[in-house]
Amino acid sequence: MSKTILITGSTDGIGKLTAIKLAEDGHAIYVHGRTKEKVQAVILELKKVSGNENIDGFVADFSNLDEVKQMTKNIAKKVSQIDVLINNAGVFKTAATSEFGDFDIRLVVNYFAPYVLTNALLPIVKKSQAPRIINLSSAAQAHVTNEMLAGVGHTNTSEAYAQSKLALTMWSFAFAKANPRISTIAVNPGSLLNTKMANEAYGQHWSPASKGADILYDLAVSDVYEGVTGTYFDNDKGNPKGDFAKAHPDAYDEGLISKLIKKTKEII
């Protein structure tokens, strides 16, 4: 059965590979990228390699939450229902800075943006008979500090990235409890995959990018994961595919989660 699927950050890397795999199955695919040129190019490429004409896309720089909000309005005008939302867009090492206050760009792109996007699209997602939301977490997870959420102080790149990914995971668990009909899974797609992000950050990779795309594909449409929610999938746990595992301890601390969500609402 054909599904309508939105994948953020899908003009390259595992987002693009996942989009290709899903397009080849005949699903309606909506891609996302930072520039109109990149989005148009990947739409044409997906149509060509998959033979699927039901491909479209949206543009937004996720470091700018005003653009994220505008993107949600554009989606609502064009898309009546979303069966699967894959919050894949992310940033690690970059010279760019956030256009949202003084907040670290990793916190904005990796956590605030999917938070804003998902909550804005919730009415459209709820129209699906069996909606799924896949949030791209990471093996790198670190306690979210008050300074990080206040947008003050200096945090190194790796620490900021790890905090942003734990924040996303904590919110994923809270979102799953608040929306039990939506299957919501946070996933580490695999450490040091052969992607631009990993190669720019570390200059090396451990596994092919397809490892990450394969698990995103499975979590999005496989019957195996139907109804599974409020969990963390660690794709580093096995070969070729991982398994469900424990996230950072903070992800199960109701007090810390409540504090994070309250602060996030104030910030947004």
Protein backbone atom coordinates (compact mmCIF):
# COMPACT_ATOMS: atom_id res chain seq x y z
CA MET A 1 0.00 0.00 0.00
CA SER A 2 1.42 3.36 -1.05
CA LYS A 3 2.26 5.80 1.72
CA THR A 4 2.92 9.52 1.78
CA ILE A 5 6.37 10.09 3.26
CA LEU A 6 8.23 13.28 4.18
CA ILE A 7 11.99 13.04 4.72
CA THR A 8 13.89 16.08 5.95
CA GLY A 9 17.51 16.55 4.97
CA SER A 10 17.10 14.33 1.94
CA THR A 11 19.19 16.01 -0.75
CA ASP A 12 22.21 13.89 0.17
CA GLY A 13 23.46 11.25 2.60
CA ILE A 14 21.25 8.60 4.13
CA GLY A 15 18.19 10.82 3.72
CA LYS A 16 18.57 10.77 -0.04
CA LEU A 17 19.33 7.02 -0.13
CA THR A 18 16.24 6.34 1.97
CA ALA A 19 14.14 8.49 -0.35
CA ILE A 20 15.37 6.50 -3.36
CA LYS A 21 14.54 3.15 -1.74
CA LEU A 22 11.05 4.32 -0.77
CA ALA A 23 10.44 5.95 -4.16
CA GLU A 24 11.33 2.69 -5.90
CA ASP A 25 8.51 1.05 -3.93
CA GLY A 26 6.04 3.55 -5.38
CA HIS A 27 5.43 5.67 -2.30
CA ALA A 28 4.65 9.38 -2.59
CA ILE A 29 7.87 11.06 -1.48
CA TYR A 30 8.42 14.61 -0.30
CA VAL A 31 12.06 15.59 0.07
CA HIS A 32 13.53 18.60 1.84
CA GLY A 33 16.70 20.63 1.49
CA ARG A 34 18.20 24.01 2.28
CA THR A 35 18.13 25.38 -1.27
CA LYS A 36 15.68 25.30 -4.14
CA GLU A 37 18.42 24.13 -6.51
CA LYS A 38 19.30 21.09 -4.40
CA VAL A 39 15.67 20.14 -3.88
CA GLN A 40 14.81 20.41 -7.58
CA ALA A 41 17.89 18.38 -8.52
CA VAL A 42 17.08 15.53 -6.14
CA ILE A 43 13.43 15.47 -7.25
CA LEU A 44 14.54 14.97 -10.85
CA GLU A 45 17.08 12.34 -9.82
CA LEU A 46 14.56 10.38 -7.76
CA LYS A 47 12.05 10.39 -10.60
CA LYS A 48 14.68 9.16 -13.03
CA VAL A 49 16.15 6.34 -10.92
CA SER A 50 12.82 5.13 -9.50
CA GLY A 51 10.44 5.68 -12.38
CA ASN A 52 8.13 7.21 -9.78
CA GLU A 53 6.65 10.58 -10.77
CA ASN A 54 5.00 11.12 -7.38
CA ILE A 55 7.95 13.06 -5.97
CA ASP A 56 7.97 16.64 -4.71
CA GLY A 57 9.86 18.73 -2.20
CA PHE A 58 10.13 21.69 0.12
CA VAL A 59 12.84 24.21 0.95
CA ALA A 60 13.91 25.53 4.36
CA ASP A 61 17.09 26.30 6.22
CA PHE A 62 16.55 24.53 9.52
CA SER A 63 18.86 26.93 11.35
CA ASN A 64 16.14 29.52 10.80
CA LEU A 65 12.93 28.55 12.58
CA ASP A 66 10.92 31.13 10.64
CA GLU A 67 11.76 29.18 7.48
CA VAL A 68 10.75 25.94 9.21
CA LYS A 69 7.39 27.46 10.14
CA GLN A 70 6.87 28.71 6.58
CA MET A 71 7.72 25.25 5.27
CA THR A 72 5.02 23.70 7.45
CA LYS A 73 2.50 26.14 5.96
CA ASN A 74 3.61 25.20 2.44
CA ILE A 75 3.27 21.52 3.29
CA ALA A 76 -0.23 22.01 4.70
CA LYS A 77 -1.31 23.65 1.43
CA LYS A 78 -0.05 20.79 -0.71
CA VAL A 79 -0.20 17.62 1.42
CA SER A 80 -3.44 16.38 2.95
CA GLN A 81 -1.97 13.47 4.90
CA ILE A 82 1.45 12.27 6.04
CA ASP A 83 1.87 8.58 6.85
CA VAL A 84 5.56 8.69 7.69
CA LEU A 85 7.69 11.62 8.83
CA ILE A 86 11.44 11.02 8.98
CA ASN A 87 13.20 13.82 10.85
CA ASN A 88 16.59 13.18 9.29
CA ALA A 89 17.99 16.70 8.79
CA GLY A 90 20.96 17.35 11.03
CA VAL A 91 24.23 19.20 11.38
CA PHE A 92 27.47 18.44 13.20
CA LYS A 93 30.60 20.26 12.10
CA THR A 94 29.90 23.54 10.33
CA ALA A 95 31.18 27.09 10.06
CA ALA A 96 27.61 28.36 9.91
CA THR A 97 25.84 29.83 12.90
CA SER A 98 22.24 29.70 14.01
CA GLU A 99 19.80 32.38 12.94
CA PHE A 100 17.71 31.73 16.03
CA GLY A 101 18.94 33.87 18.91
CA ASP A 102 22.26 32.87 20.41
CA PHE A 103 21.49 29.15 20.41
CA ASP A 104 24.04 26.68 19.09
CA ILE A 105 23.24 25.73 15.50
CA ARG A 106 23.27 22.03 16.40
CA LEU A 107 20.55 22.51 19.00
CA VAL A 108 18.46 24.52 16.54
CA VAL A 109 18.77 22.22 13.53
CA ASN A 110 18.86 18.88 15.33
CA TYR A 111 16.21 19.53 17.98
CA PHE A 112 14.25 22.79 17.77
CA ALA A 113 13.55 22.47 14.03
CA PRO A 114 12.10 18.92 14.15
CA TYR A 115 10.17 19.89 17.29
CA VAL A 116 8.57 22.83 15.48
CA LEU A 117 8.02 20.91 12.25
CA THR A 118 6.47 17.84 13.84
CA ASN A 119 4.10 19.70 16.13
CA ALA A 120 2.94 21.94 13.29
CA LEU A 121 2.29 18.94 11.03
CA LEU A 122 0.58 16.90 13.73
CA PRO A 123 -2.98 17.43 12.36
CA ILE A 124 -1.85 16.10 8.96
CA VAL A 125 0.03 13.16 10.49
CA LYS A 126 -2.99 12.20 12.60
CA LYS A 127 -5.05 11.71 9.43
CA SER A 128 -3.00 8.59 8.66
CA GLN A 129 -4.41 5.21 9.68
CA ALA A 130 -1.01 4.09 11.01
CA PRO A 131 1.30 7.11 11.30
CA ARG A 132 5.00 6.78 12.03
CA ILE A 133 7.60 9.33 13.07
CA ILE A 134 11.29 8.44 12.89
CA ASN A 135 13.65 10.83 14.68
CA LEU A 136 17.36 10.65 13.88
CA SER A 137 19.23 10.39 17.15
CA SER A 138 22.84 9.29 17.59
CA ALA A 139 25.13 7.11 19.68
CA ALA A 140 26.51 10.44 20.88
CA GLN A 141 24.19 11.65 23.65
CA ALA A 142 25.07 13.96 26.54
CA HIS A 143 23.23 15.66 29.40
CA VAL A 144 21.46 18.80 28.19
CA THR A 145 22.81 21.64 30.29
CA ASN A 146 21.01 24.76 31.48
CA GLU A 147 23.62 26.82 29.61
CA MET A 148 22.83 25.04 26.34
CA LEU A 149 19.12 25.75 26.74
CA ALA A 150 19.85 29.35 27.67
CA GLY A 151 22.03 29.93 24.63
CA VAL A 152 24.95 31.09 26.74
CA GLY A 153 28.49 29.92 27.27
CA HIS A 154 30.77 28.05 24.87
CA THR A 155 30.15 24.40 24.10
CA ASN A 156 32.50 22.45 21.82
CA THR A 157 31.14 20.94 18.64
CA SER A 158 30.99 17.31 19.79
CA GLU A 159 29.38 18.18 23.12
CA ALA A 160 26.79 20.45 21.49
CA TYR A 161 25.93 17.75 18.97
CA ALA A 162 25.58 15.11 21.68
CA GLN A 163 23.33 17.36 23.76
CA SER A 164 21.14 18.15 20.77
CA LYS A 165 20.68 14.45 20.00
CA LEU A 166 19.78 13.60 23.59
CA ALA A 167 17.26 16.46 23.61
CA LEU A 168 15.68 15.01 20.47
CA THR A 169 15.56 11.55 22.03
CA MET A 170 14.01 12.81 25.28
CA TRP A 171 11.37 14.72 23.36
CA SER A 172 10.70 11.65 21.16
CA PHE A 173 9.82 9.63 24.25
CA ALA A 174 7.59 12.42 25.59
CA PHE A 175 5.91 12.84 22.21
CA ALA A 176 5.24 9.11 22.02
CA LYS A 177 3.45 9.17 25.39
CA ALA A 178 1.40 12.20 24.42
CA ASN A 179 0.46 10.69 21.03
CA PRO A 180 0.07 6.93 21.59
CA ARG A 181 -1.53 6.33 18.18
CA ILE A 182 1.60 7.55 16.41
CA SER A 183 4.50 5.11 16.28
CA THR A 184 7.47 7.24 17.31
CA ILE A 185 11.01 5.87 17.32
CA ALA A 186 14.35 7.56 17.93
CA VAL A 187 17.15 5.86 16.03
CA ASN A 188 20.91 5.89 15.87
CA PRO A 189 21.30 4.95 12.18
CA GLY A 190 24.89 3.88 12.73
CA SER A 191 28.10 5.54 13.82
CA LEU A 192 30.56 6.96 11.28
CA LEU A 193 28.59 6.02 8.19
CA ASN A 194 30.08 7.00 4.84
CA THR A 195 28.33 10.35 4.63
CA LYS A 196 29.47 13.92 4.09
CA MET A 197 28.72 14.73 7.73
CA ALA A 198 30.92 11.97 9.15
CA ASN A 199 33.73 12.42 6.64
CA GLU A 200 33.90 16.18 7.23
CA ALA A 201 33.90 15.68 11.00
CA TYR A 202 36.25 12.71 11.31
CA GLY A 203 37.84 12.14 7.92
CA GLN A 204 36.89 8.46 8.03
CA HIS A 205 33.95 6.07 8.15
CA TRP A 206 33.22 2.61 9.55
CA SER A 207 30.19 1.50 7.54
CA PRO A 208 28.52 2.30 4.22
CA ALA A 209 25.78 4.93 4.17
CA SER A 210 23.39 2.22 2.98
CA LYS A 211 23.47 0.72 6.51
CA GLY A 212 21.70 3.83 7.78
CA ALA A 213 19.32 4.06 4.83
CA ASP A 214 18.32 0.42 5.23
CA ILE A 215 17.22 0.85 8.84
CA LEU A 216 15.35 4.07 8.10
CA TYR A 217 13.54 2.28 5.29
CA ASP A 218 12.62 -0.62 7.59
CA LEU A 219 11.45 1.60 10.45
CA ALA A 220 9.36 3.62 8.01
CA VAL A 221 7.43 0.86 6.28
CA SER A 222 8.21 -2.62 7.60
CA ASP A 223 5.35 -4.47 9.31
CA VAL A 224 7.86 -5.60 11.93
CA TYR A 225 7.79 -2.15 13.52
CA GLU A 226 4.08 -1.46 13.26
CA GLY A 227 2.78 -0.07 16.54
CA VAL A 228 6.23 0.08 18.13
CA THR A 229 6.63 3.42 19.90
CA GLY A 230 8.53 5.35 22.54
CA THR A 231 11.74 3.42 21.97
CA TYR A 232 15.34 3.87 20.86
CA PHE A 233 16.84 1.77 18.07
CA ASP A 234 20.63 1.45 18.02
CA ASN A 235 21.91 0.38 14.62
CA ASP A 236 25.41 -0.10 16.06
CA LYS A 237 24.20 -3.08 18.09
CA GLY A 238 24.28 -5.69 15.34
CA ASN A 239 25.45 -6.58 11.85
CA PRO A 240 24.01 -5.86 9.36
CA LYS A 241 21.13 -4.49 11.45
CA GLY A 242 20.96 -3.33 15.04
CA ASP A 243 18.29 -3.68 17.70
CA PHE A 244 16.34 -1.75 20.29
CA ALA A 245 18.52 -0.60 23.16
CA LYS A 246 18.75 1.81 26.06
CA ALA A 247 19.36 5.46 25.30
CA HIS A 248 21.12 7.84 27.68
CA PRO A 249 19.70 7.56 31.26
CA ASP A 250 18.33 11.13 31.04
CA ALA A 251 15.90 9.94 28.35
CA TYR A 252 14.03 8.00 31.05
CA ASP A 253 14.08 10.70 33.73
CA GLU A 254 10.56 12.15 33.82
CA GLY A 255 11.71 15.22 35.74
CA LEU A 256 14.41 16.09 33.24
CA ILE A 257 12.10 15.42 30.30
CA SER A 258 9.39 17.64 31.78
CA LYS A 259 11.94 20.39 32.39
CA LEU A 260 13.24 20.11 28.81
CA ILE A 261 9.79 20.26 27.23
CA LYS A 262 8.73 23.20 29.41
CA LYS A 263 11.88 25.12 28.53
CA THR A 264 11.52 24.25 24.84
CA LYS A 265 7.99 25.62 24.75
CA GLU A 266 9.18 28.84 26.38
CA ILE A 267 12.01 29.20 23.86
CA ILE A 268 9.93 28.44 20.79
